């Protein structure tokens, strides 16, 4: 009985992780749809990806299937999805280059800081801040607005797209600075200074 339940709870069989993997699998189809200018299809796929993101968290809580793999895989899936879409939408001339450069610059900076933190202090608990979560949220809104803008000329969509892109730039800078400040604080903490490498 114990063996059966263990098998059921293996990370790759957990329902939330399967949904997260599905989100990653949707990325190539999304990219192809945008490159072929099938914006109705790409918007539908993006909504489906968003639903898997909402459902995997809900299922993890309801089914008590939270795993270490899921904690790492979920933000990676979000990052792969959004980064790919920012790149391809910029390639299509639908998102300004400066927005995508800021987004990728922040992500590269965070990866470098995370590597330094791990090397210096052995820290692996890089939990996202409220600014990082807000940044992800506005990025999702920006991509949705950009895709929707290709389907309808409605003024509110155009205005929402503009606001979401400006909010993305602002929160990208703010969350990046906050992360850098948190990293410097951790590196300066007694635990970090006492860590032997």
N, C-alpha and C. Protein backbone atom coordinates (compact mmCIF):
# COMPACT_ATOMS: atom_id res chain seq x y z
N UNK A 1 0.83 -1.21 0.00
CA UNK A 1 0.00 0.00 0.00
C UNK A 1 0.86 1.26 0.00
N UNK A 2 1.91 1.23 0.84
CA UNK A 2 2.83 2.35 0.89
C UNK A 2 3.54 2.55 -0.44
N UNK A 3 3.94 1.39 -1.07
CA UNK A 3 4.63 1.47 -2.36
C UNK A 3 3.75 2.09 -3.42
N UNK A 4 2.45 1.71 -3.40
CA UNK A 4 1.50 2.25 -4.38
C UNK A 4 1.36 3.75 -4.22
N UNK A 5 1.19 4.21 -2.96
CA UNK A 5 1.02 5.64 -2.73
C UNK A 5 2.28 6.42 -3.09
N UNK A 6 3.47 5.79 -2.85
CA UNK A 6 4.71 6.45 -3.22
C UNK A 6 4.81 6.61 -4.72
N UNK A 7 4.37 5.52 -5.43
CA UNK A 7 4.39 5.58 -6.89
C UNK A 7 3.49 6.68 -7.40
N UNK A 8 2.32 6.80 -6.75
CA UNK A 8 1.36 7.82 -7.16
C UNK A 8 1.91 9.22 -6.97
N UNK A 9 2.73 9.41 -5.94
CA UNK A 9 3.22 10.73 -5.61
C UNK A 9 4.60 11.03 -6.17
N UNK A 10 5.10 10.18 -7.09
CA UNK A 10 6.36 10.51 -7.73
C UNK A 10 6.18 11.81 -8.50
N UNK A 11 7.19 12.69 -8.48
CA UNK A 11 7.04 14.03 -9.04
C UNK A 11 6.47 14.09 -10.45
N UNK A 12 6.93 13.16 -11.34
CA UNK A 12 6.48 13.22 -12.73
C UNK A 12 5.06 12.70 -12.93
N UNK A 13 4.50 12.04 -11.89
CA UNK A 13 3.12 11.56 -12.00
C UNK A 13 2.14 12.49 -11.30
N UNK A 14 2.64 13.45 -10.56
CA UNK A 14 1.76 14.39 -9.86
C UNK A 14 1.02 15.25 -10.89
N UNK A 15 -0.29 15.36 -10.73
CA UNK A 15 -1.12 16.10 -11.69
C UNK A 15 -0.66 17.54 -11.89
N UNK A 16 -0.31 18.29 -10.83
CA UNK A 16 0.15 19.67 -11.04
C UNK A 16 1.39 19.75 -11.92
N UNK A 17 2.33 18.81 -11.74
CA UNK A 17 3.56 18.82 -12.53
C UNK A 17 3.29 18.46 -13.99
N UNK A 18 2.31 17.57 -14.21
CA UNK A 18 1.93 17.22 -15.58
C UNK A 18 1.35 18.44 -16.30
N UNK A 19 0.56 19.24 -15.57
CA UNK A 19 0.01 20.46 -16.16
C UNK A 19 1.12 21.46 -16.47
N UNK A 20 2.11 21.54 -15.59
CA UNK A 20 3.24 22.45 -15.82
C UNK A 20 4.02 22.02 -17.05
N UNK A 21 4.24 20.72 -17.19
CA UNK A 21 4.93 20.19 -18.37
C UNK A 21 4.13 20.45 -19.64
N UNK A 22 2.81 20.35 -19.53
CA UNK A 22 1.94 20.66 -20.67
C UNK A 22 2.13 22.11 -21.10
N UNK A 23 2.27 23.02 -20.11
CA UNK A 23 2.46 24.44 -20.42
C UNK A 23 3.76 24.64 -21.22
N UNK A 24 4.80 23.91 -20.84
CA UNK A 24 6.06 24.01 -21.57
C UNK A 24 5.89 23.46 -22.99
N UNK A 25 5.13 22.37 -23.12
CA UNK A 25 4.90 21.75 -24.44
C UNK A 25 4.10 22.65 -25.38
N UNK A 26 3.32 23.58 -24.81
CA UNK A 26 2.53 24.49 -25.64
C UNK A 26 3.39 25.57 -26.30
N UNK A 27 4.58 25.81 -25.76
CA UNK A 27 5.43 26.92 -26.22
C UNK A 27 5.75 26.85 -27.72
N UNK A 28 6.22 25.70 -28.25
CA UNK A 28 6.53 25.66 -29.69
C UNK A 28 5.31 25.95 -30.57
N UNK A 29 4.14 25.48 -30.15
CA UNK A 29 2.92 25.72 -30.94
C UNK A 29 2.55 27.20 -30.90
N UNK A 30 2.75 27.83 -29.74
CA UNK A 30 2.50 29.26 -29.62
C UNK A 30 3.43 30.06 -30.52
N UNK A 31 4.69 29.72 -30.50
CA UNK A 31 5.68 30.41 -31.34
C UNK A 31 5.32 30.27 -32.82
N UNK A 32 4.98 29.05 -33.23
CA UNK A 32 4.61 28.80 -34.63
C UNK A 32 3.38 29.60 -35.03
N UNK A 33 2.38 29.66 -34.13
CA UNK A 33 1.15 30.40 -34.42
C UNK A 33 1.43 31.89 -34.59
N UNK A 34 2.28 32.45 -33.74
CA UNK A 34 2.61 33.89 -33.84
C UNK A 34 3.39 34.15 -35.12
N UNK A 35 4.38 33.31 -35.42
CA UNK A 35 5.19 33.50 -36.63
C UNK A 35 4.35 33.41 -37.90
N UNK A 36 3.31 32.58 -37.85
CA UNK A 36 2.40 32.44 -39.01
C UNK A 36 1.27 33.46 -38.98
N UNK A 37 1.32 34.37 -38.00
CA UNK A 37 0.31 35.43 -37.84
C UNK A 37 -1.10 34.86 -37.60
N UNK A 38 -1.17 33.69 -36.97
CA UNK A 38 -2.46 33.12 -36.57
C UNK A 38 -2.74 33.59 -35.13
N UNK A 39 -3.14 34.85 -35.01
CA UNK A 39 -3.22 35.46 -33.68
C UNK A 39 -4.41 34.95 -32.85
N UNK A 40 -5.47 34.51 -33.53
CA UNK A 40 -6.60 33.93 -32.79
C UNK A 40 -6.15 32.62 -32.12
N UNK A 41 -5.40 31.82 -32.88
CA UNK A 41 -4.89 30.55 -32.34
C UNK A 41 -3.90 30.82 -31.21
N UNK A 42 -2.99 31.77 -31.44
CA UNK A 42 -1.97 32.05 -30.42
C UNK A 42 -2.60 32.61 -29.15
N UNK A 43 -3.64 33.44 -29.30
CA UNK A 43 -4.32 33.97 -28.11
C UNK A 43 -5.02 32.83 -27.35
N UNK A 44 -5.66 31.93 -28.10
CA UNK A 44 -6.33 30.78 -27.47
C UNK A 44 -5.34 29.89 -26.74
N UNK A 45 -4.18 29.63 -27.35
CA UNK A 45 -3.15 28.81 -26.72
C UNK A 45 -2.57 29.49 -25.48
N UNK A 46 -2.45 30.82 -25.55
CA UNK A 46 -1.92 31.57 -24.41
C UNK A 46 -2.90 31.51 -23.23
N UNK A 47 -4.18 31.61 -23.53
CA UNK A 47 -5.20 31.49 -22.48
C UNK A 47 -5.15 30.08 -21.88
N UNK A 48 -5.01 29.06 -22.74
CA UNK A 48 -4.91 27.67 -22.26
C UNK A 48 -3.69 27.50 -21.35
N UNK A 49 -2.57 28.11 -21.73
CA UNK A 49 -1.37 28.05 -20.90
C UNK A 49 -1.60 28.72 -19.55
N UNK A 50 -2.32 29.84 -19.58
CA UNK A 50 -2.65 30.54 -18.34
C UNK A 50 -3.53 29.70 -17.43
N UNK A 51 -4.45 28.97 -18.03
CA UNK A 51 -5.33 28.10 -17.25
C UNK A 51 -4.55 26.97 -16.59
N UNK A 52 -3.58 26.40 -17.31
CA UNK A 52 -2.76 25.34 -16.71
C UNK A 52 -1.96 25.90 -15.54
N UNK A 53 -1.53 27.16 -15.65
CA UNK A 53 -0.78 27.80 -14.57
C UNK A 53 -1.65 27.96 -13.33
N UNK A 54 -2.90 28.39 -13.53
CA UNK A 54 -3.82 28.56 -12.41
C UNK A 54 -4.20 27.21 -11.80
N UNK A 55 -4.42 26.22 -12.67
CA UNK A 55 -4.87 24.91 -12.20
C UNK A 55 -3.79 24.13 -11.46
N UNK A 56 -2.53 24.26 -11.91
CA UNK A 56 -1.50 23.44 -11.26
C UNK A 56 -1.31 23.84 -9.80
N UNK A 57 -1.40 25.15 -9.51
CA UNK A 57 -1.30 25.60 -8.13
C UNK A 57 -2.49 25.15 -7.30
N UNK A 58 -3.69 25.25 -7.88
CA UNK A 58 -4.90 24.84 -7.18
C UNK A 58 -4.89 23.33 -6.89
N UNK A 59 -4.49 22.54 -7.89
CA UNK A 59 -4.44 21.09 -7.72
C UNK A 59 -3.39 20.68 -6.69
N UNK A 60 -2.26 21.38 -6.70
CA UNK A 60 -1.21 21.06 -5.72
C UNK A 60 -1.73 21.22 -4.29
N UNK A 61 -2.56 22.26 -4.08
CA UNK A 61 -3.13 22.48 -2.74
C UNK A 61 -4.24 21.48 -2.44
N UNK A 62 -5.15 21.29 -3.39
CA UNK A 62 -6.31 20.42 -3.16
C UNK A 62 -5.90 18.96 -2.98
N UNK A 63 -5.00 18.48 -3.88
CA UNK A 63 -4.59 17.08 -3.84
C UNK A 63 -3.40 16.82 -2.92
N UNK A 64 -2.89 17.92 -2.32
CA UNK A 64 -1.70 17.82 -1.45
C UNK A 64 -0.55 17.16 -2.21
N UNK A 65 -0.32 17.63 -3.44
CA UNK A 65 0.74 17.06 -4.28
C UNK A 65 1.84 18.08 -4.56
N UNK A 66 2.21 18.83 -3.53
CA UNK A 66 3.32 19.77 -3.69
C UNK A 66 4.63 18.99 -3.67
N UNK A 67 5.46 19.21 -4.69
CA UNK A 67 6.76 18.52 -4.77
C UNK A 67 7.86 19.55 -4.99
N UNK A 68 9.09 19.15 -4.66
CA UNK A 68 10.25 20.02 -4.88
C UNK A 68 10.40 20.30 -6.38
N UNK A 69 10.14 19.27 -7.21
CA UNK A 69 10.21 19.44 -8.66
C UNK A 69 9.24 20.53 -9.11
N UNK A 70 8.02 20.47 -8.58
CA UNK A 70 7.00 21.45 -8.95
C UNK A 70 7.39 22.87 -8.57
N UNK A 71 8.04 23.03 -7.41
CA UNK A 71 8.46 24.36 -6.95
C UNK A 71 9.49 24.97 -7.89
N UNK A 72 10.34 24.12 -8.48
CA UNK A 72 11.34 24.62 -9.43
C UNK A 72 10.76 24.73 -10.84
N UNK A 73 9.94 23.73 -11.21
CA UNK A 73 9.43 23.63 -12.57
C UNK A 73 8.44 24.74 -12.92
N UNK A 74 7.59 25.13 -11.97
CA UNK A 74 6.54 26.11 -12.26
C UNK A 74 7.11 27.46 -12.70
N UNK A 75 8.03 28.08 -11.95
CA UNK A 75 8.60 29.35 -12.41
C UNK A 75 9.41 29.21 -13.70
N UNK A 76 10.05 28.04 -13.89
CA UNK A 76 10.80 27.81 -15.13
C UNK A 76 9.84 27.79 -16.32
N UNK A 77 8.70 27.11 -16.16
CA UNK A 77 7.70 27.05 -17.23
C UNK A 77 7.18 28.45 -17.57
N UNK A 78 6.90 29.25 -16.53
CA UNK A 78 6.45 30.63 -16.76
C UNK A 78 7.49 31.42 -17.52
N UNK A 79 8.76 31.27 -17.10
CA UNK A 79 9.84 32.03 -17.72
C UNK A 79 10.05 31.62 -19.17
N UNK A 80 10.01 30.31 -19.44
CA UNK A 80 10.19 29.82 -20.82
C UNK A 80 9.06 30.35 -21.71
N UNK A 81 7.83 30.27 -21.22
CA UNK A 81 6.67 30.74 -21.98
C UNK A 81 6.76 32.22 -22.29
N UNK A 82 6.97 33.03 -21.25
CA UNK A 82 6.98 34.49 -21.43
C UNK A 82 8.19 34.95 -22.23
N UNK A 83 9.35 34.39 -21.95
CA UNK A 83 10.57 34.79 -22.67
C UNK A 83 10.44 34.49 -24.16
N UNK A 84 9.93 33.30 -24.48
CA UNK A 84 9.75 32.91 -25.88
C UNK A 84 8.78 33.86 -26.58
N UNK A 85 7.68 34.21 -25.90
CA UNK A 85 6.69 35.10 -26.50
C UNK A 85 7.20 36.51 -26.65
N UNK A 86 7.94 37.02 -25.67
CA UNK A 86 8.51 38.36 -25.81
C UNK A 86 9.46 38.41 -27.01
N UNK A 87 10.27 37.35 -27.16
CA UNK A 87 11.21 37.31 -28.29
C UNK A 87 10.49 37.29 -29.64
N UNK A 88 9.53 36.38 -29.76
CA UNK A 88 8.86 36.21 -31.06
C UNK A 88 7.95 37.40 -31.39
N UNK A 89 7.33 38.00 -30.37
CA UNK A 89 6.49 39.18 -30.61
C UNK A 89 7.34 40.40 -30.95
N UNK A 90 8.54 40.47 -30.40
CA UNK A 90 9.47 41.55 -30.77
C UNK A 90 9.93 41.34 -32.21
N UNK A 91 10.22 40.08 -32.54
CA UNK A 91 10.62 39.74 -33.92
C UNK A 91 9.54 40.15 -34.92
N UNK A 92 8.27 40.01 -34.51
CA UNK A 92 7.15 40.37 -35.38
C UNK A 92 6.84 41.88 -35.35
N UNK A 93 7.59 42.63 -34.55
CA UNK A 93 7.38 44.07 -34.46
C UNK A 93 6.19 44.47 -33.62
N UNK A 94 5.74 43.58 -32.75
CA UNK A 94 4.54 43.84 -31.95
C UNK A 94 4.86 44.30 -30.53
N UNK A 95 6.09 44.05 -30.08
CA UNK A 95 6.56 44.54 -28.78
C UNK A 95 7.85 45.32 -29.03
N UNK A 96 7.96 46.54 -28.49
CA UNK A 96 9.19 47.33 -28.70
C UNK A 96 10.43 46.60 -28.18
N UNK A 97 11.51 46.75 -28.92
CA UNK A 97 12.77 46.08 -28.56
C UNK A 97 13.22 46.44 -27.15
N UNK A 98 13.03 47.71 -26.74
CA UNK A 98 13.52 48.14 -25.43
C UNK A 98 12.87 47.36 -24.29
N UNK A 99 11.59 46.98 -24.47
CA UNK A 99 10.88 46.21 -23.44
C UNK A 99 11.53 44.84 -23.27
N UNK A 100 11.75 44.17 -24.39
CA UNK A 100 12.32 42.83 -24.36
C UNK A 100 13.76 42.84 -23.85
N UNK A 101 14.52 43.86 -24.23
CA UNK A 101 15.91 43.98 -23.74
C UNK A 101 15.91 44.14 -22.22
N UNK A 102 15.00 44.97 -21.69
CA UNK A 102 14.90 45.14 -20.24
C UNK A 102 14.54 43.83 -19.54
N UNK A 103 13.54 43.14 -20.09
CA UNK A 103 13.07 41.88 -19.50
C UNK A 103 14.20 40.85 -19.46
N UNK A 104 14.92 40.70 -20.58
CA UNK A 104 16.00 39.71 -20.63
C UNK A 104 17.20 40.16 -19.80
N UNK A 105 17.47 41.46 -19.79
CA UNK A 105 18.58 41.97 -18.99
C UNK A 105 18.37 41.69 -17.51
N UNK A 106 17.14 41.89 -17.03
CA UNK A 106 16.81 41.60 -15.63
C UNK A 106 16.98 40.11 -15.33
N UNK A 107 16.47 39.26 -16.24
CA UNK A 107 16.54 37.82 -16.00
C UNK A 107 17.99 37.32 -15.96
N UNK A 108 18.82 37.83 -16.87
CA UNK A 108 20.23 37.44 -16.88
C UNK A 108 20.90 37.92 -15.59
N UNK A 109 20.58 39.15 -15.18
CA UNK A 109 21.13 39.69 -13.94
C UNK A 109 20.76 38.86 -12.73
N UNK A 110 19.50 38.44 -12.67
CA UNK A 110 19.03 37.62 -11.54
C UNK A 110 19.74 36.26 -11.54
N UNK A 111 19.93 35.67 -12.71
CA UNK A 111 20.63 34.39 -12.79
C UNK A 111 22.07 34.52 -12.29
N UNK A 112 22.72 35.61 -12.66
CA UNK A 112 24.10 35.84 -12.21
C UNK A 112 24.16 36.03 -10.70
N UNK A 113 23.24 36.84 -10.17
CA UNK A 113 23.21 37.08 -8.73
C UNK A 113 22.89 35.79 -7.97
N UNK A 114 21.95 34.99 -8.51
CA UNK A 114 21.60 33.71 -7.88
C UNK A 114 22.81 32.78 -7.85
N UNK A 115 23.59 32.78 -8.94
CA UNK A 115 24.80 31.94 -9.00
C UNK A 115 25.82 32.41 -7.96
N UNK A 116 25.96 33.72 -7.83
CA UNK A 116 26.90 34.27 -6.83
C UNK A 116 26.45 33.91 -5.42
N UNK A 117 25.15 34.06 -5.16
CA UNK A 117 24.60 33.72 -3.84
C UNK A 117 24.84 32.25 -3.51
N UNK A 118 24.64 31.40 -4.49
CA UNK A 118 24.82 29.97 -4.25
C UNK A 118 26.29 29.64 -4.00
N UNK A 119 27.18 30.27 -4.81
CA UNK A 119 28.61 30.01 -4.65
C UNK A 119 29.14 30.56 -3.32
N UNK A 120 28.64 31.75 -2.93
CA UNK A 120 29.16 32.40 -1.73
C UNK A 120 28.53 31.89 -0.44
N UNK A 121 27.22 31.62 -0.50
CA UNK A 121 26.52 31.29 0.75
C UNK A 121 25.75 29.98 0.71
N UNK A 122 25.80 29.30 -0.43
CA UNK A 122 25.06 28.04 -0.54
C UNK A 122 23.56 28.23 -0.48
N UNK A 123 23.09 29.44 -0.86
CA UNK A 123 21.66 29.73 -0.79
C UNK A 123 20.96 29.22 -2.03
N UNK A 124 19.87 28.46 -1.82
CA UNK A 124 19.08 27.97 -2.95
C UNK A 124 17.61 28.40 -2.84
N UNK A 125 17.24 29.05 -1.75
CA UNK A 125 15.84 29.43 -1.55
C UNK A 125 15.59 30.83 -2.12
N UNK A 126 15.59 30.90 -3.46
CA UNK A 126 15.40 32.17 -4.14
C UNK A 126 13.90 32.38 -4.38
N UNK A 127 13.16 32.61 -3.31
CA UNK A 127 11.72 32.78 -3.45
C UNK A 127 11.41 34.13 -4.08
N UNK A 128 10.44 34.18 -5.00
CA UNK A 128 10.12 35.44 -5.68
C UNK A 128 9.51 36.45 -4.72
N UNK A 129 9.88 37.70 -4.90
CA UNK A 129 9.32 38.77 -4.06
C UNK A 129 7.96 39.18 -4.61
N UNK A 130 7.27 40.05 -3.88
CA UNK A 130 5.99 40.58 -4.35
C UNK A 130 6.17 41.37 -5.65
N UNK A 131 7.35 42.01 -5.78
CA UNK A 131 7.63 42.77 -7.01
C UNK A 131 7.85 41.82 -8.19
N UNK A 132 8.52 40.70 -7.92
CA UNK A 132 8.74 39.72 -8.97
C UNK A 132 7.43 39.10 -9.44
N UNK A 133 6.54 38.81 -8.48
CA UNK A 133 5.23 38.24 -8.84
C UNK A 133 4.40 39.25 -9.62
N UNK A 134 4.45 40.51 -9.19
CA UNK A 134 3.71 41.57 -9.89
C UNK A 134 4.27 41.74 -11.30
N UNK A 135 5.59 41.62 -11.44
CA UNK A 135 6.22 41.75 -12.75
C UNK A 135 5.76 40.65 -13.69
N UNK A 136 5.70 39.41 -13.18
CA UNK A 136 5.21 38.29 -13.99
C UNK A 136 3.77 38.53 -14.42
N UNK A 137 2.97 39.04 -13.49
CA UNK A 137 1.55 39.30 -13.78
C UNK A 137 1.39 40.34 -14.89
N UNK A 138 2.15 41.43 -14.82
CA UNK A 138 2.01 42.47 -15.86
C UNK A 138 2.58 41.99 -17.19
N UNK A 139 3.59 41.12 -17.14
CA UNK A 139 4.11 40.54 -18.39
C UNK A 139 3.04 39.69 -19.07
N UNK A 140 2.33 38.90 -18.26
CA UNK A 140 1.22 38.09 -18.80
C UNK A 140 0.17 39.00 -19.41
N UNK A 141 -0.18 40.08 -18.68
CA UNK A 141 -1.16 41.04 -19.19
C UNK A 141 -0.70 41.71 -20.47
N UNK A 142 0.59 42.04 -20.55
CA UNK A 142 1.14 42.70 -21.74
C UNK A 142 1.06 41.79 -22.96
N UNK A 143 1.47 40.53 -22.79
CA UNK A 143 1.43 39.57 -23.90
C UNK A 143 -0.02 39.35 -24.35
N UNK A 144 -0.92 39.18 -23.39
CA UNK A 144 -2.34 38.98 -23.73
C UNK A 144 -2.89 40.18 -24.49
N UNK A 145 -2.55 41.39 -24.04
CA UNK A 145 -3.04 42.61 -24.68
C UNK A 145 -2.47 42.76 -26.09
N UNK A 146 -1.19 42.43 -26.26
CA UNK A 146 -0.55 42.52 -27.59
C UNK A 146 -1.22 41.56 -28.57
N UNK A 147 -1.47 40.33 -28.11
CA UNK A 147 -2.13 39.35 -28.98
C UNK A 147 -3.57 39.75 -29.28
N UNK A 148 -4.28 40.23 -28.24
CA UNK A 148 -5.68 40.63 -28.42
C UNK A 148 -5.79 41.84 -29.34
N UNK A 149 -4.77 42.71 -29.30
CA UNK A 149 -4.76 43.91 -30.15
C UNK A 149 -4.72 43.55 -31.63
N UNK A 150 -4.20 42.35 -31.93
CA UNK A 150 -4.18 41.90 -33.33
C UNK A 150 -5.54 41.35 -33.78
N UNK A 151 -6.43 41.14 -32.82
CA UNK A 151 -7.74 40.57 -33.14
C UNK A 151 -8.85 41.61 -33.14
N UNK A 152 -8.64 42.71 -32.41
CA UNK A 152 -9.69 43.73 -32.33
C UNK A 152 -9.07 45.13 -32.27
N UNK A 153 -9.69 46.09 -32.95
CA UNK A 153 -9.19 47.47 -32.92
C UNK A 153 -9.74 48.27 -31.74
N UNK A 154 -10.42 47.60 -30.82
CA UNK A 154 -11.06 48.30 -29.69
C UNK A 154 -10.06 49.20 -28.97
N UNK A 155 -10.51 50.41 -28.65
CA UNK A 155 -9.62 51.40 -28.05
C UNK A 155 -9.11 50.95 -26.67
N UNK A 156 -9.99 50.31 -25.90
CA UNK A 156 -9.56 49.90 -24.55
C UNK A 156 -8.45 48.87 -24.60
N UNK A 157 -8.44 48.02 -25.66
CA UNK A 157 -7.37 47.03 -25.82
C UNK A 157 -6.05 47.73 -26.12
N UNK A 158 -6.10 48.73 -27.02
CA UNK A 158 -4.89 49.49 -27.36
C UNK A 158 -4.34 50.21 -26.13
N UNK A 159 -5.24 50.79 -25.34
CA UNK A 159 -4.81 51.52 -24.14
C UNK A 159 -4.25 50.55 -23.09
N UNK A 160 -4.92 49.42 -22.94
CA UNK A 160 -4.45 48.41 -21.99
C UNK A 160 -3.07 47.90 -22.39
N UNK A 161 -2.87 47.70 -23.70
CA UNK A 161 -1.57 47.24 -24.22
C UNK A 161 -0.47 48.25 -23.86
N UNK A 162 -0.75 49.53 -24.07
CA UNK A 162 0.24 50.57 -23.77
C UNK A 162 0.57 50.60 -22.28
N UNK A 163 -0.47 50.58 -21.45
CA UNK A 163 -0.27 50.61 -19.99
C UNK A 163 0.50 49.38 -19.52
N UNK A 164 0.14 48.20 -20.04
CA UNK A 164 0.78 46.95 -19.63
C UNK A 164 2.26 46.92 -20.01
N UNK A 165 2.60 47.46 -21.19
CA UNK A 165 4.00 47.48 -21.62
C UNK A 165 4.82 48.44 -20.77
N UNK A 166 4.24 49.62 -20.44
CA UNK A 166 4.94 50.56 -19.56
C UNK A 166 5.09 49.99 -18.15
N UNK A 167 4.04 49.32 -17.68
CA UNK A 167 4.09 48.69 -16.35
C UNK A 167 5.14 47.58 -16.31
N UNK A 168 5.25 46.85 -17.43
CA UNK A 168 6.27 45.80 -17.52
C UNK A 168 7.66 46.39 -17.37
N UNK A 169 7.93 47.48 -18.08
CA UNK A 169 9.25 48.11 -17.98
C UNK A 169 9.52 48.61 -16.56
N UNK A 170 8.52 49.28 -15.96
CA UNK A 170 8.70 49.84 -14.62
C UNK A 170 8.94 48.73 -13.58
N UNK A 171 8.12 47.69 -13.64
CA UNK A 171 8.25 46.61 -12.65
C UNK A 171 9.47 45.73 -12.91
N UNK A 172 9.91 45.67 -14.15
CA UNK A 172 11.14 44.94 -14.47
C UNK A 172 12.32 45.60 -13.76
N UNK A 173 12.39 46.93 -13.86
CA UNK A 173 13.47 47.68 -13.21
C UNK A 173 13.34 47.58 -11.69
N UNK A 174 12.12 47.81 -11.18
CA UNK A 174 11.89 47.81 -9.74
C UNK A 174 12.19 46.45 -9.12
N UNK A 175 11.68 45.37 -9.73
CA UNK A 175 11.91 44.03 -9.17
C UNK A 175 13.38 43.63 -9.28
N UNK A 176 14.05 44.08 -10.35
CA UNK A 176 15.48 43.80 -10.49
C UNK A 176 16.29 44.48 -9.40
N UNK A 177 15.98 45.75 -9.14
CA UNK A 177 16.68 46.49 -8.08
C UNK A 177 16.40 45.89 -6.71
N UNK A 178 15.14 45.48 -6.49
CA UNK A 178 14.77 44.87 -5.20
C UNK A 178 15.52 43.55 -5.00
N UNK A 179 15.62 42.76 -6.06
CA UNK A 179 16.33 41.48 -5.98
C UNK A 179 17.80 41.73 -5.66
N UNK A 180 18.41 42.74 -6.33
CA UNK A 180 19.82 43.05 -6.08
C UNK A 180 20.03 43.49 -4.63
N UNK A 181 19.09 44.28 -4.11
CA UNK A 181 19.18 44.73 -2.72
C UNK A 181 19.07 43.55 -1.76
N UNK A 182 18.12 42.65 -2.02
CA UNK A 182 17.94 41.46 -1.18
C UNK A 182 19.19 40.58 -1.22
N UNK A 183 19.78 40.46 -2.42
CA UNK A 183 20.98 39.64 -2.56
C UNK A 183 22.14 40.22 -1.77
N UNK A 184 22.32 41.55 -1.84
CA UNK A 184 23.42 42.18 -1.10
C UNK A 184 23.20 42.03 0.41
N UNK A 185 21.92 42.09 0.83
CA UNK A 185 21.60 41.93 2.26
C UNK A 185 21.92 40.52 2.73
N UNK A 186 21.60 39.53 1.88
CA UNK A 186 21.88 38.14 2.24
C UNK A 186 23.38 37.86 2.29
N UNK A 187 24.10 38.43 1.31
CA UNK A 187 25.54 38.22 1.29
C UNK A 187 26.23 38.88 2.48
N UNK A 188 25.60 39.94 2.99
CA UNK A 188 26.16 40.64 4.14
C UNK A 188 25.72 40.08 5.47
N UNK A 189 24.82 39.08 5.45
CA UNK A 189 24.31 38.51 6.70
C UNK A 189 25.36 37.63 7.36
N UNK A 190 25.28 37.47 8.68
CA UNK A 190 26.26 36.63 9.40
C UNK A 190 26.31 35.20 8.89
N UNK A 191 25.13 34.67 8.48
CA UNK A 191 25.08 33.27 8.00
C UNK A 191 25.93 33.13 6.75
N UNK A 192 25.85 34.16 5.86
CA UNK A 192 26.62 34.11 4.61
C UNK A 192 28.10 34.24 4.90
N UNK A 193 28.45 35.17 5.83
CA UNK A 193 29.86 35.40 6.15
C UNK A 193 30.49 34.20 6.84
N UNK A 194 29.65 33.45 7.59
CA UNK A 194 30.18 32.29 8.31
C UNK A 194 30.22 31.03 7.46
N UNK A 195 29.70 31.11 6.21
CA UNK A 195 29.65 29.92 5.36
C UNK A 195 31.05 29.57 4.86
N UNK A 196 31.43 28.35 5.00
CA UNK A 196 32.74 27.95 4.50
C UNK A 196 32.57 27.28 3.15
N UNK A 197 33.33 27.75 2.15
CA UNK A 197 33.20 27.18 0.82
C UNK A 197 34.27 26.13 0.56
